[in-house]
Structure formats: structure tokens, C-alpha cells
Amino acid sequence: VVLDLSRPVMIEGAALADGIGLGSVVLHEPRVVVTNLFNEDVEGE
């Protein structure tokens, strides 16, 4: 069993420039990864 975050996904779009590319994802504007979820000081936050 594989969870959703790692499942294969096929996205159908529009062919805008010919060719085939295999590689790894580079997010043009990478999401900022928030690791500190809980606050200790409400007014400070």
C-alpha cells in the first residue's frame, strides 16, 4: 500500500513545445517548508 503523497499521477495538459523530458521536479518558486507549527507566545506571534 502506497500513500497519496507518493502515488503516481498523470496530468493531461496541452502540448506547447515538442520533445520529451525525464528528470526531477524543481519548483520555480519552492514552497516554504514550515517546521515550527506550535506557538509559545500568542501575542508575540
PDB file of all heavy atoms in Angstrom:
ATOM      1  N   VAL A   1       0.842  -1.196   0.000  1.00  0.00           N
ATOM      2  CA  VAL A   1       0.000   0.000   0.000  1.00  0.00           C
ATOM      3  C   VAL A   1       0.880   1.251   0.000  1.00  0.00           C
ATOM      4  O   VAL A   1       1.805   1.371   0.794  1.00  0.00           O
ATOM      5  CB  VAL A   1      -0.939   0.014   1.225  1.00  0.00           C
ATOM      6  CG1 VAL A   1      -1.589   1.372   1.387  1.00  0.00           C
ATOM      7  CG2 VAL A   1      -1.996  -1.067   1.078  1.00  0.00           C
ATOM      8  N   VAL A   2       0.587   2.159  -0.919  1.00  0.00           N
ATOM      9  CA  VAL A   2       1.343   3.405  -1.039  1.00  0.00           C
ATOM     10  C   VAL A   2       0.412   4.566  -0.749  1.00  0.00           C
ATOM     11  O   VAL A   2      -0.728   4.595  -1.213  1.00  0.00           O
ATOM     12  CB  VAL A   2       1.935   3.548  -2.468  1.00  0.00           C
ATOM     13  CG1 VAL A   2       2.710   4.850  -2.602  1.00  0.00           C
ATOM     14  CG2 VAL A   2       2.832   2.357  -2.785  1.00  0.00           C
ATOM     15  N   LEU A   3       0.881   5.543   0.025  1.00  0.00           N
ATOM     16  CA  LEU A   3       0.032   6.673   0.386  1.00  0.00           C
ATOM     17  C   LEU A   3       0.003   7.703  -0.736  1.00  0.00           C
ATOM     18  O   LEU A   3       0.830   7.722  -1.638  1.00  0.00           O
ATOM     19  CB  LEU A   3       0.522   7.307   1.681  1.00  0.00           C
ATOM     20  CG  LEU A   3       0.524   6.375   2.898  1.00  0.00           C
ATOM     21  CD1 LEU A   3       0.807   7.156   4.162  1.00  0.00           C
ATOM     22  CD2 LEU A   3      -0.812   5.641   3.030  1.00  0.00           C
ATOM     23  N   ASP A   4      -0.970   8.598  -0.630  1.00  0.00           N
ATOM     24  CA  ASP A   4      -1.236   9.551  -1.706  1.00  0.00           C
ATOM     25  C   ASP A   4      -0.041  10.421  -2.066  1.00  0.00           C
ATOM     26  O   ASP A   4       0.176  10.726  -3.234  1.00  0.00           O
ATOM     27  CB  ASP A   4      -2.411  10.459  -1.298  1.00  0.00           C
ATOM     28  CG  ASP A   4      -2.682  11.533  -2.334  1.00  0.00           C
ATOM     29  OD1 ASP A   4      -3.296  11.223  -3.375  1.00  0.00           O
ATOM     30  OD2 ASP A   4      -2.252  12.677  -2.118  1.00  0.00           O
ATOM     31  N   LEU A   5       0.746  10.824  -1.074  1.00  0.00           N
ATOM     32  CA  LEU A   5       1.824  11.771  -1.343  1.00  0.00           C
ATOM     33  C   LEU A   5       2.863  11.193  -2.281  1.00  0.00           C
ATOM     34  O   LEU A   5       3.582  11.928  -2.937  1.00  0.00           O
ATOM     35  CB  LEU A   5       2.484  12.209  -0.033  1.00  0.00           C
ATOM     36  CG  LEU A   5       3.194  13.558  -0.100  1.00  0.00           C
ATOM     37  CD1 LEU A   5       2.192  14.685  -0.208  1.00  0.00           C
ATOM     38  CD2 LEU A   5       4.066  13.762   1.122  1.00  0.00           C
ATOM     39  N   SER A   6       2.952   9.882  -2.353  1.00  0.00           N
ATOM     40  CA  SER A   6       3.949   9.278  -3.230  1.00  0.00           C
ATOM     41  C   SER A   6       3.317   8.509  -4.386  1.00  0.00           C
ATOM     42  O   SER A   6       4.002   7.805  -5.107  1.00  0.00           O
ATOM     43  CB  SER A   6       4.842   8.324  -2.423  1.00  0.00           C
ATOM     44  OG  SER A   6       4.059   7.355  -1.756  1.00  0.00           O
ATOM     45  N   ARG A   7       2.023   8.642  -4.567  1.00  0.00           N
ATOM     46  CA  ARG A   7       1.370   7.886  -5.634  1.00  0.00           C
ATOM     47  C   ARG A   7       1.703   8.478  -7.001  1.00  0.00           C
ATOM     48  O   ARG A   7       1.915   9.681  -7.130  1.00  0.00           O
ATOM     49  CB  ARG A   7      -0.140   7.864  -5.437  1.00  0.00           C
ATOM     50  CG  ARG A   7      -0.844   9.185  -5.704  1.00  0.00           C
ATOM     51  CD  ARG A   7      -2.320   9.089  -5.392  1.00  0.00           C
ATOM     52  NE  ARG A   7      -2.975  10.390  -5.458  1.00  0.00           N
ATOM     53  CZ  ARG A   7      -3.661  10.803  -6.520  1.00  0.00           C
ATOM     54  NH1 ARG A   7      -3.768  10.054  -7.584  1.00  0.00           N
ATOM     55  NH2 ARG A   7      -4.240  11.995  -6.500  1.00  0.00           N
ATOM     56  N   PRO A   8       1.721   7.652  -8.031  1.00  0.00           N
ATOM     57  CA  PRO A   8       1.917   8.162  -9.395  1.00  0.00           C
ATOM     58  C   PRO A   8       0.706   8.999  -9.818  1.00  0.00           C
ATOM     59  O   PRO A   8      -0.433   8.683  -9.465  1.00  0.00           O
ATOM     60  CB  PRO A   8       2.021   6.897 -10.249  1.00  0.00           C
ATOM     61  CG  PRO A   8       2.305   5.785  -9.280  1.00  0.00           C
ATOM     62  CD  PRO A   8       1.652   6.185  -8.006  1.00  0.00           C
ATOM     63  N   VAL A   9       0.964  10.058 -10.551  1.00  0.00           N
ATOM     64  CA  VAL A   9      -0.107  10.931 -11.034  1.00  0.00           C
ATOM     65  C   VAL A   9       0.140  11.229 -12.508  1.00  0.00           C
ATOM     66  O   VAL A   9       1.262  11.561 -12.892  1.00  0.00           O
ATOM     67  CB  VAL A   9      -0.158  12.261 -10.247  1.00  0.00           C
ATOM     68  CG1 VAL A   9      -1.215  13.189 -10.826  1.00  0.00           C
ATOM     69  CG2 VAL A   9      -0.418  12.004  -8.775  1.00  0.00           C
ATOM     70  N   MET A  10      -0.901  11.099 -13.312  1.00  0.00           N
ATOM     71  CA  MET A  10      -0.813  11.533 -14.706  1.00  0.00           C
ATOM     72  C   MET A  10      -1.689  12.764 -14.883  1.00  0.00           C
ATOM     73  O   MET A  10      -2.868  12.751 -14.535  1.00  0.00           O
ATOM     74  CB  MET A  10      -1.269  10.440 -15.670  1.00  0.00           C
ATOM     75  CG  MET A  10      -1.017  10.810 -17.127  1.00  0.00           C
ATOM     76  SD  MET A  10      -1.684   9.625 -18.329  1.00  0.00           S
ATOM     77  CE  MET A  10      -3.395  10.146 -18.406  1.00  0.00           C
ATOM     78  N   ILE A  11      -1.092  13.846 -15.388  1.00  0.00           N
ATOM     79  CA  ILE A  11      -1.815  15.099 -15.598  1.00  0.00           C
ATOM     80  C   ILE A  11      -1.891  15.359 -17.097  1.00  0.00           C
ATOM     81  O   ILE A  11      -0.865  15.416 -17.776  1.00  0.00           O
ATOM     82  CB  ILE A  11      -1.103  16.276 -14.896  1.00  0.00           C
ATOM     83  CG1 ILE A  11      -0.908  15.971 -13.411  1.00  0.00           C
ATOM     84  CG2 ILE A  11      -1.889  17.564 -15.081  1.00  0.00           C
ATOM     85  CD1 ILE A  11       0.001  16.954 -12.697  1.00  0.00           C
ATOM     86  N   GLU A  12      -3.097  15.504 -17.603  1.00  0.00           N
ATOM     87  CA  GLU A  12      -3.282  15.811 -19.019  1.00  0.00           C
ATOM     88  C   GLU A  12      -3.355  17.319 -19.193  1.00  0.00           C
ATOM     89  O   GLU A  12      -4.137  17.987 -18.527  1.00  0.00           O
ATOM     90  CB  GLU A  12      -4.548  15.143 -19.555  1.00  0.00           C
ATOM     91  CG  GLU A  12      -4.470  13.622 -19.553  1.00  0.00           C
ATOM     92  CD  GLU A  12      -5.677  12.981 -20.217  1.00  0.00           C
ATOM     93  OE1 GLU A  12      -6.514  13.731 -20.757  1.00  0.00           O
ATOM     94  OE2 GLU A  12      -5.779  11.754 -20.184  1.00  0.00           O
ATOM     95  N   GLY A  13      -2.510  17.846 -20.073  1.00  0.00           N
ATOM     96  CA  GLY A  13      -2.486  19.274 -20.329  1.00  0.00           C
ATOM     97  C   GLY A  13      -2.466  19.543 -21.823  1.00  0.00           C
ATOM     98  O   GLY A  13      -3.049  18.797 -22.606  1.00  0.00           O
ATOM     99  N   ALA A  14      -1.787  20.609 -22.197  1.00  0.00           N
ATOM    100  CA  ALA A  14      -1.674  20.995 -23.603  1.00  0.00           C
ATOM    101  C   ALA A  14      -0.220  20.886 -24.040  1.00  0.00           C
ATOM    102  O   ALA A  14       0.682  21.344 -23.329  1.00  0.00           O
ATOM    103  CB  ALA A  14      -2.184  22.422 -23.804  1.00  0.00           C
ATOM    104  N   ALA A  15       0.010  20.275 -25.190  1.00  0.00           N
ATOM    105  CA  ALA A  15       1.364  20.168 -25.741  1.00  0.00           C
ATOM    106  C   ALA A  15       1.744  21.512 -26.347  1.00  0.00           C
ATOM    107  O   ALA A  15       1.188  21.917 -27.360  1.00  0.00           O
ATOM    108  CB  ALA A  15       1.415  19.068 -26.794  1.00  0.00           C
ATOM    109  N   LEU A  16       2.700  22.204 -25.717  1.00  0.00           N
ATOM    110  CA  LEU A  16       3.065  23.549 -26.160  1.00  0.00           C
ATOM    111  C   LEU A  16       4.420  23.606 -26.852  1.00  0.00           C
ATOM    112  O   LEU A  16       4.673  24.512 -27.644  1.00  0.00           O
ATOM    113  CB  LEU A  16       3.054  24.514 -24.970  1.00  0.00           C
ATOM    114  CG  LEU A  16       1.715  24.649 -24.232  1.00  0.00           C
ATOM    115  CD1 LEU A  16       1.830  25.684 -23.117  1.00  0.00           C
ATOM    116  CD2 LEU A  16       0.589  25.008 -25.191  1.00  0.00           C
ATOM    117  N   ALA A  17       5.306  22.678 -26.538  1.00  0.00           N
ATOM    118  CA  ALA A  17       6.616  22.624 -27.215  1.00  0.00           C
ATOM    119  C   ALA A  17       7.044  21.167 -27.278  1.00  0.00           C
ATOM    120  O   ALA A  17       7.044  20.464 -26.265  1.00  0.00           O
ATOM    121  CB  ALA A  17       7.658  23.462 -26.481  1.00  0.00           C
ATOM    122  N   ASP A  18       7.408  20.719 -28.459  1.00  0.00           N
ATOM    123  CA  ASP A  18       7.684  19.312 -28.713  1.00  0.00           C
ATOM    124  C   ASP A  18       8.903  18.810 -27.942  1.00  0.00           C
ATOM    125  O   ASP A  18       9.816  19.569 -27.627  1.00  0.00           O
ATOM    126  CB  ASP A  18       7.903  19.113 -30.215  1.00  0.00           C
ATOM    127  CG  ASP A  18       8.048  17.647 -30.576  1.00  0.00           C
ATOM    128  OD1 ASP A  18       7.343  16.826 -29.980  1.00  0.00           O
ATOM    129  OD2 ASP A  18       8.890  17.333 -31.439  1.00  0.00           O
ATOM    130  N   GLY A  19       8.892  17.523 -27.666  1.00  0.00           N
ATOM    131  CA  GLY A  19      10.027  16.885 -27.013  1.00  0.00           C
ATOM    132  C   GLY A  19       9.596  16.096 -25.797  1.00  0.00           C
ATOM    133  O   GLY A  19       8.452  16.181 -25.346  1.00  0.00           O
ATOM    134  N   ILE A  20      10.527  15.305 -25.277  1.00  0.00           N
ATOM    135  CA  ILE A  20      10.277  14.503 -24.080  1.00  0.00           C
ATOM    136  C   ILE A  20      11.381  14.779 -23.081  1.00  0.00           C
ATOM    137  O   ILE A  20      12.568  14.788 -23.434  1.00  0.00           O
ATOM    138  CB  ILE A  20      10.247  13.001 -24.429  1.00  0.00           C
ATOM    139  CG1 ILE A  20       9.078  12.694 -25.372  1.00  0.00           C
ATOM    140  CG2 ILE A  20      10.128  12.149 -23.165  1.00  0.00           C
ATOM    141  CD1 ILE A  20       9.083  11.287 -25.905  1.00  0.00           C
ATOM    142  N   GLY A  21      11.002  15.020 -21.848  1.00  0.00           N
ATOM    143  CA  GLY A  21      11.990  15.280 -20.800  1.00  0.00           C
ATOM    144  C   GLY A  21      11.783  14.372 -19.608  1.00  0.00           C
ATOM    145  O   GLY A  21      10.655  14.225 -19.118  1.00  0.00           O
ATOM    146  N   LEU A  22      12.844  13.730 -19.145  1.00  0.00           N
ATOM    147  CA  LEU A  22      12.810  12.916 -17.931  1.00  0.00           C
ATOM    148  C   LEU A  22      13.738  13.564 -16.916  1.00  0.00           C
ATOM    149  O   LEU A  22      14.866  13.949 -17.244  1.00  0.00           O
ATOM    150  CB  LEU A  22      13.289  11.485 -18.205  1.00  0.00           C
ATOM    151  CG  LEU A  22      12.338  10.517 -18.914  1.00  0.00           C
ATOM    152  CD1 LEU A  22      12.228  10.854 -20.389  1.00  0.00           C
ATOM    153  CD2 LEU A  22      12.811   9.083 -18.729  1.00  0.00           C
ATOM    154  N   GLY A  23      13.285  13.689 -15.688  1.00  0.00           N
ATOM    155  CA  GLY A  23      14.143  14.295 -14.682  1.00  0.00           C
ATOM    156  C   GLY A  23      13.468  14.384 -13.333  1.00  0.00           C
ATOM    157  O   GLY A  23      12.583  13.578 -13.003  1.00  0.00           O
ATOM    158  N   SER A  24      13.871  15.375 -12.557  1.00  0.00           N
ATOM    159  CA  SER A  24      13.354  15.574 -11.200  1.00  0.00           C
ATOM    160  C   SER A  24      12.716  16.947 -11.095  1.00  0.00           C
ATOM    161  O   SER A  24      13.146  17.902 -11.753  1.00  0.00           O
ATOM    162  CB  SER A  24      14.488  15.466 -10.175  1.00  0.00           C
ATOM    163  OG  SER A  24      15.131  14.210 -10.278  1.00  0.00           O
ATOM    164  N   VAL A  25      11.700  17.034 -10.254  1.00  0.00           N
ATOM    165  CA  VAL A  25      10.953  18.282 -10.091  1.00  0.00           C
ATOM    166  C   VAL A  25      11.821  19.372  -9.464  1.00  0.00           C
ATOM    167  O   VAL A  25      12.487  19.153  -8.452  1.00  0.00           O
ATOM    168  CB  VAL A  25       9.705  18.055  -9.213  1.00  0.00           C
ATOM    169  CG1 VAL A  25       9.089  19.380  -8.775  1.00  0.00           C
ATOM    170  CG2 VAL A  25       8.693  17.195  -9.938  1.00  0.00           C
ATOM    171  N   VAL A  26      11.806  20.543 -10.084  1.00  0.00           N
ATOM    172  CA  VAL A  26      12.342  21.760  -9.481  1.00  0.00           C
ATOM    173  C   VAL A  26      11.194  22.760  -9.462  1.00  0.00           C
ATOM    174  O   VAL A  26      10.699  23.155 -10.519  1.00  0.00           O
ATOM    175  CB  VAL A  26      13.532  22.331 -10.283  1.00  0.00           C
ATOM    176  CG1 VAL A  26      13.918  23.712  -9.760  1.00  0.00           C
ATOM    177  CG2 VAL A  26      14.732  21.406 -10.206  1.00  0.00           C
ATOM    178  N   LEU A  27      10.715  23.112  -8.278  1.00  0.00           N
ATOM    179  CA  LEU A  27       9.636  24.085  -8.163  1.00  0.00           C
ATOM    180  C   LEU A  27      10.216  25.479  -8.385  1.00  0.00           C
ATOM    181  O   LEU A  27      11.147  25.880  -7.692  1.00  0.00           O
ATOM    182  CB  LEU A  27       8.966  23.992  -6.795  1.00  0.00           C
ATOM    183  CG  LEU A  27       8.218  22.672  -6.539  1.00  0.00           C
ATOM    184  CD1 LEU A  27       7.813  22.578  -5.080  1.00  0.00           C
ATOM    185  CD2 LEU A  27       7.006  22.553  -7.446  1.00  0.00           C
ATOM    186  N   HIS A  28       9.659  26.185  -9.354  1.00  0.00           N
ATOM    187  CA  HIS A  28      10.195  27.503  -9.716  1.00  0.00           C
ATOM    188  C   HIS A  28      10.168  28.453  -8.522  1.00  0.00           C
ATOM    189  O   HIS A  28      11.098  29.196  -8.294  1.00  0.00           O
ATOM    190  CB  HIS A  28       9.386  28.086 -10.866  1.00  0.00           C
ATOM    191  CG  HIS A  28       9.788  29.474 -11.247  1.00  0.00           C
ATOM    192  ND1 HIS A  28      11.073  29.800 -11.614  1.00  0.00           N
ATOM    193  CD2 HIS A  28       9.083  30.633 -11.316  1.00  0.00           C
ATOM    194  CE1 HIS A  28      11.137  31.097 -11.901  1.00  0.00           C
ATOM    195  NE2 HIS A  28       9.948  31.607 -11.726  1.00  0.00           N
ATOM    196  N   GLU A  29       9.087  28.405  -7.777  1.00  0.00           N
ATOM    197  CA  GLU A  29       9.021  29.152  -6.519  1.00  0.00           C
ATOM    198  C   GLU A  29       8.743  28.117  -5.434  1.00  0.00           C
ATOM    199  O   GLU A  29       7.590  27.871  -5.075  1.00  0.00           O
ATOM    200  CB  GLU A  29       7.928  30.220  -6.555  1.00  0.00           C
ATOM    201  CG  GLU A  29       8.268  31.388  -7.463  1.00  0.00           C
ATOM    202  CD  GLU A  29       7.295  32.533  -7.308  1.00  0.00           C
ATOM    203  OE1 GLU A  29       6.214  32.327  -6.746  1.00  0.00           O
ATOM    204  OE2 GLU A  29       7.630  33.643  -7.751  1.00  0.00           O
ATOM    205  N   PRO A  30       9.798  27.484  -4.928  1.00  0.00           N
ATOM    206  CA  PRO A  30       9.603  26.384  -3.971  1.00  0.00           C
ATOM    207  C   PRO A  30       8.766  26.814  -2.777  1.00  0.00           C
ATOM    208  O   PRO A  30       8.924  27.921  -2.260  1.00  0.00           O
ATOM    209  CB  PRO A  30      11.036  26.037  -3.538  1.00  0.00           C
ATOM    210  CG  PRO A  30      11.909  26.576  -4.609  1.00  0.00           C
ATOM    211  CD  PRO A  30      11.213  27.788  -5.136  1.00  0.00           C
ATOM    212  N   ARG A  31       7.860  25.916  -2.380  1.00  0.00           N
ATOM    213  CA  ARG A  31       7.062  26.223  -1.191  1.00  0.00           C
ATOM    214  C   ARG A  31       7.974  26.325   0.023  1.00  0.00           C
ATOM    215  O   ARG A  31       8.912  25.544   0.178  1.00  0.00           O
ATOM    216  CB  ARG A  31       6.021  25.121  -0.964  1.00  0.00           C
ATOM    217  CG  ARG A  31       4.915  25.109  -1.983  1.00  0.00           C
ATOM    218  CD  ARG A  31       3.840  24.122  -1.569  1.00  0.00           C
ATOM    219  NE  ARG A  31       4.333  22.764  -1.564  1.00  0.00           N
ATOM    220  CZ  ARG A  31       4.355  21.980  -2.635  1.00  0.00           C
ATOM    221  NH1 ARG A  31       3.947  22.438  -3.784  1.00  0.00           N
ATOM    222  NH2 ARG A  31       4.801  20.742  -2.560  1.00  0.00           N
ATOM    223  N   VAL A  32       7.676  27.284   0.871  1.00  0.00           N
ATOM    224  CA  VAL A  32       8.428  27.419   2.113  1.00  0.00           C
ATOM    225  C   VAL A  32       7.967  26.322   3.063  1.00  0.00           C
ATOM    226  O   VAL A  32       6.771  26.162   3.314  1.00  0.00           O
ATOM    227  CB  VAL A  32       8.185  28.807   2.746  1.00  0.00           C
ATOM    228  CG1 VAL A  32       8.948  28.923   4.058  1.00  0.00           C
ATOM    229  CG2 VAL A  32       8.606  29.906   1.783  1.00  0.00           C
ATOM    230  N   VAL A  33       8.895  25.529   3.554  1.00  0.00           N
ATOM    231  CA  VAL A  33       8.549  24.423   4.448  1.00  0.00           C
ATOM    232  C   VAL A  33       8.469  24.945   5.873  1.00  0.00           C
ATOM    233  O   VAL A  33       9.452  25.437   6.434  1.00  0.00           O
ATOM    234  CB  VAL A  33       9.596  23.294   4.359  1.00  0.00           C
ATOM    235  CG1 VAL A  33       9.243  22.176   5.324  1.00  0.00           C
ATOM    236  CG2 VAL A  33       9.680  22.773   2.930  1.00  0.00           C
ATOM    237  N   VAL A  34       7.285  24.854   6.440  1.00  0.00           N
ATOM    238  CA  VAL A  34       7.053  25.317   7.813  1.00  0.00           C
ATOM    239  C   VAL A  34       7.259  24.128   8.748  1.00  0.00           C
ATOM    240  O   VAL A  34       6.515  23.143   8.685  1.00  0.00           O
ATOM    241  CB  VAL A  34       5.637  25.897   7.970  1.00  0.00           C
ATOM    242  CG1 VAL A  34       5.398  26.312   9.423  1.00  0.00           C
ATOM    243  CG2 VAL A  34       5.443  27.074   7.026  1.00  0.00           C
ATOM    244  N   THR A  35       8.249  24.211   9.600  1.00  0.00           N
ATOM    245  CA  THR A  35       8.539  23.112  10.533  1.00  0.00           C
ATOM    246  C   THR A  35       8.071  23.428  11.951  1.00  0.00           C
ATOM    247  O   THR A  35       7.813  22.531  12.737  1.00  0.00           O
ATOM    248  CB  THR A  35      10.049  22.819  10.548  1.00  0.00           C
ATOM    249  OG1 THR A  35      10.757  24.030  10.859  1.00  0.00           O
ATOM    250  CG2 THR A  35      10.509  22.313   9.188  1.00  0.00           C
ATOM    251  N   ASN A  36       7.963  24.715  12.288  1.00  0.00           N
ATOM    252  CA  ASN A  36       7.550  25.119  13.629  1.00  0.00           C
ATOM    253  C   ASN A  36       6.059  25.443  13.606  1.00  0.00           C
ATOM    254  O   ASN A  36       5.654  26.534  13.195  1.00  0.00           O
ATOM    255  CB  ASN A  36       8.361  26.343  14.077  1.00  0.00           C
ATOM    256  CG  ASN A  36       8.029  26.752  15.503  1.00  0.00           C
ATOM    257  OD1 ASN A  36       7.480  25.961  16.262  1.00  0.00           O
ATOM    258  ND2 ASN A  36       8.330  27.990  15.846  1.00  0.00           N
ATOM    259  N   LEU A  37       5.234  24.481  14.039  1.00  0.00           N
ATOM    260  CA  LEU A  37       3.786  24.656  13.932  1.00  0.00           C
ATOM    261  C   LEU A  37       3.160  25.322  15.158  1.00  0.00           C
ATOM    262  O   LEU A  37       2.175  26.042  15.040  1.00  0.00           O
ATOM    263  CB  LEU A  37       3.116  23.292  13.725  1.00  0.00           C
ATOM    264  CG  LEU A  37       3.490  22.517  12.460  1.00  0.00           C
ATOM    265  CD1 LEU A  37       2.802  21.161  12.457  1.00  0.00           C
ATOM    266  CD2 LEU A  37       3.104  23.296  11.219  1.00  0.00           C
ATOM    267  N   PHE A  38       3.690  25.061  16.353  1.00  0.00           N
ATOM    268  CA  PHE A  38       3.014  25.458  17.591  1.00  0.00           C
ATOM    269  C   PHE A  38       3.661  26.692  18.204  1.00  0.00           C
ATOM    270  O   PHE A  38       4.885  26.776  18.307  1.00  0.00           O
ATOM    271  CB  PHE A  38       3.048  24.310  18.602  1.00  0.00           C
ATOM    272  CG  PHE A  38       2.649  22.991  18.006  1.00  0.00           C
ATOM    273  CD1 PHE A  38       3.581  21.980  17.812  1.00  0.00           C
ATOM    274  CD2 PHE A  38       1.340  22.758  17.619  1.00  0.00           C
ATOM    275  CE1 PHE A  38       3.218  20.764  17.259  1.00  0.00           C
ATOM    276  CE2 PHE A  38       0.967  21.536  17.068  1.00  0.00           C
ATOM    277  CZ  PHE A  38       1.902  20.539  16.891  1.00  0.00           C
ATOM    278  N   ASN A  39       2.831  27.637  18.620  1.00  0.00           N
ATOM    279  CA  ASN A  39       3.409  28.848  19.227  1.00  0.00           C
ATOM    280  C   ASN A  39       3.426  28.764  20.745  1.00  0.00           C
ATOM    281  O   ASN A  39       2.601  28.085  21.361  1.00  0.00           O
ATOM    282  CB  ASN A  39       2.692  30.105  18.720  1.00  0.00           C
ATOM    283  CG  ASN A  39       1.369  30.370  19.412  1.00  0.00           C
ATOM    284  OD1 ASN A  39       1.286  30.497  20.630  1.00  0.00           O
ATOM    285  ND2 ASN A  39       0.305  30.478  18.623  1.00  0.00           N
ATOM    286  N   GLU A  40       4.380  29.469  21.324  1.00  0.00           N
ATOM    287  CA  GLU A  40       4.532  29.538  22.783  1.00  0.00           C
ATOM    288  C   GLU A  40       4.027  30.862  23.326  1.00  0.00           C
ATOM    289  O   GLU A  40       3.785  31.005  24.516  1.00  0.00           O
ATOM    290  CB  GLU A  40       6.025  29.388  23.160  1.00  0.00           C
ATOM    291  CG  GLU A  40       6.686  28.109  22.665  1.00  0.00           C
ATOM    292  CD  GLU A  40       6.254  26.906  23.470  1.00  0.00           C
ATOM    293  OE1 GLU A  40       5.628  27.108  24.530  1.00  0.00           O
ATOM    294  OE2 GLU A  40       6.535  25.772  23.050  1.00  0.00           O
ATOM    295  N   ASP A  41       3.898  31.859  22.433  1.00  0.00           N
ATOM    296  CA  ASP A  41       3.556  33.214  22.863  1.00  0.00           C
ATOM    297  C   ASP A  41       2.585  33.800  21.843  1.00  0.00           C
ATOM    298  O   ASP A  41       2.990  34.277  20.780  1.00  0.00           O
ATOM    299  CB  ASP A  41       4.838  34.051  22.951  1.00  0.00           C
ATOM    300  CG  ASP A  41       4.558  35.512  23.292  1.00  0.00           C
ATOM    301  OD1 ASP A  41       3.389  35.851  23.569  1.00  0.00           O
ATOM    302  OD2 ASP A  41       5.511  36.311  23.239  1.00  0.00           O
ATOM    303  N   VAL A  42       1.295  33.767  22.156  1.00  0.00           N
ATOM    304  CA  VAL A  42       0.271  34.199  21.206  1.00  0.00           C
ATOM    305  C   VAL A  42       0.483  35.648  20.783  1.00  0.00           C
ATOM    306  O   VAL A  42       0.502  35.973  19.591  1.00  0.00           O
ATOM    307  CB  VAL A  42      -1.137  34.020  21.806  1.00  0.00           C
ATOM    308  CG1 VAL A  42      -2.190  34.643  20.899  1.00  0.00           C
ATOM    309  CG2 VAL A  42      -1.437  32.547  22.015  1.00  0.00           C
ATOM    310  N   GLU A  43       0.641  36.541  21.759  1.00  0.00           N
ATOM    311  CA  GLU A  43       0.763  37.962  21.417  1.00  0.00           C
ATOM    312  C   GLU A  43       2.034  38.233  20.618  1.00  0.00           C
ATOM    313  O   GLU A  43       2.054  39.065  19.714  1.00  0.00           O
ATOM    314  CB  GLU A  43       0.728  38.815  22.687  1.00  0.00           C
ATOM    315  CG  GLU A  43      -0.588  38.746  23.448  1.00  0.00           C
ATOM    316  CD  GLU A  43      -1.791  39.023  22.551  1.00  0.00           C
ATOM    317  OE1 GLU A  43      -1.711  39.942  21.713  1.00  0.00           O
ATOM    318  OE2 GLU A  43      -2.799  38.316  22.693  1.00  0.00           O
ATOM    319  N   GLY A  44       3.088  37.478  20.947  1.00  0.00           N
ATOM    320  CA  GLY A  44       4.331  37.641  20.191  1.00  0.00           C
ATOM    321  C   GLY A  44       4.162  37.208  18.744  1.00  0.00           C
ATOM    322  O   GLY A  44       4.685  37.842  17.823  1.00  0.00           O
ATOM    323  N   GLU A  45       3.420  36.119  18.536  1.00  0.00           N
ATOM    324  CA  GLU A  45       3.183  35.641  17.170  1.00  0.00           C
ATOM    325  C   GLU A  45       2.271  36.591  16.399  1.00  0.00           C
ATOM    326  O   GLU A  45       2.449  36.807  15.200  1.00  0.00           O
ATOM    327  CB  GLU A  45       2.584  34.233  17.193  1.00  0.00           C
ATOM    328  CG  GLU A  45       3.541  33.147  17.628  1.00  0.00           C
ATOM    329  CD  GLU A  45       4.748  33.053  16.694  1.00  0.00           C
ATOM    330  OE1 GLU A  45       4.560  32.952  15.469  1.00  0.00           O
ATOM    331  OE2 GLU A  45       5.881  33.090  17.203  1.00  0.00           O
TER     332      GLU A  45
END
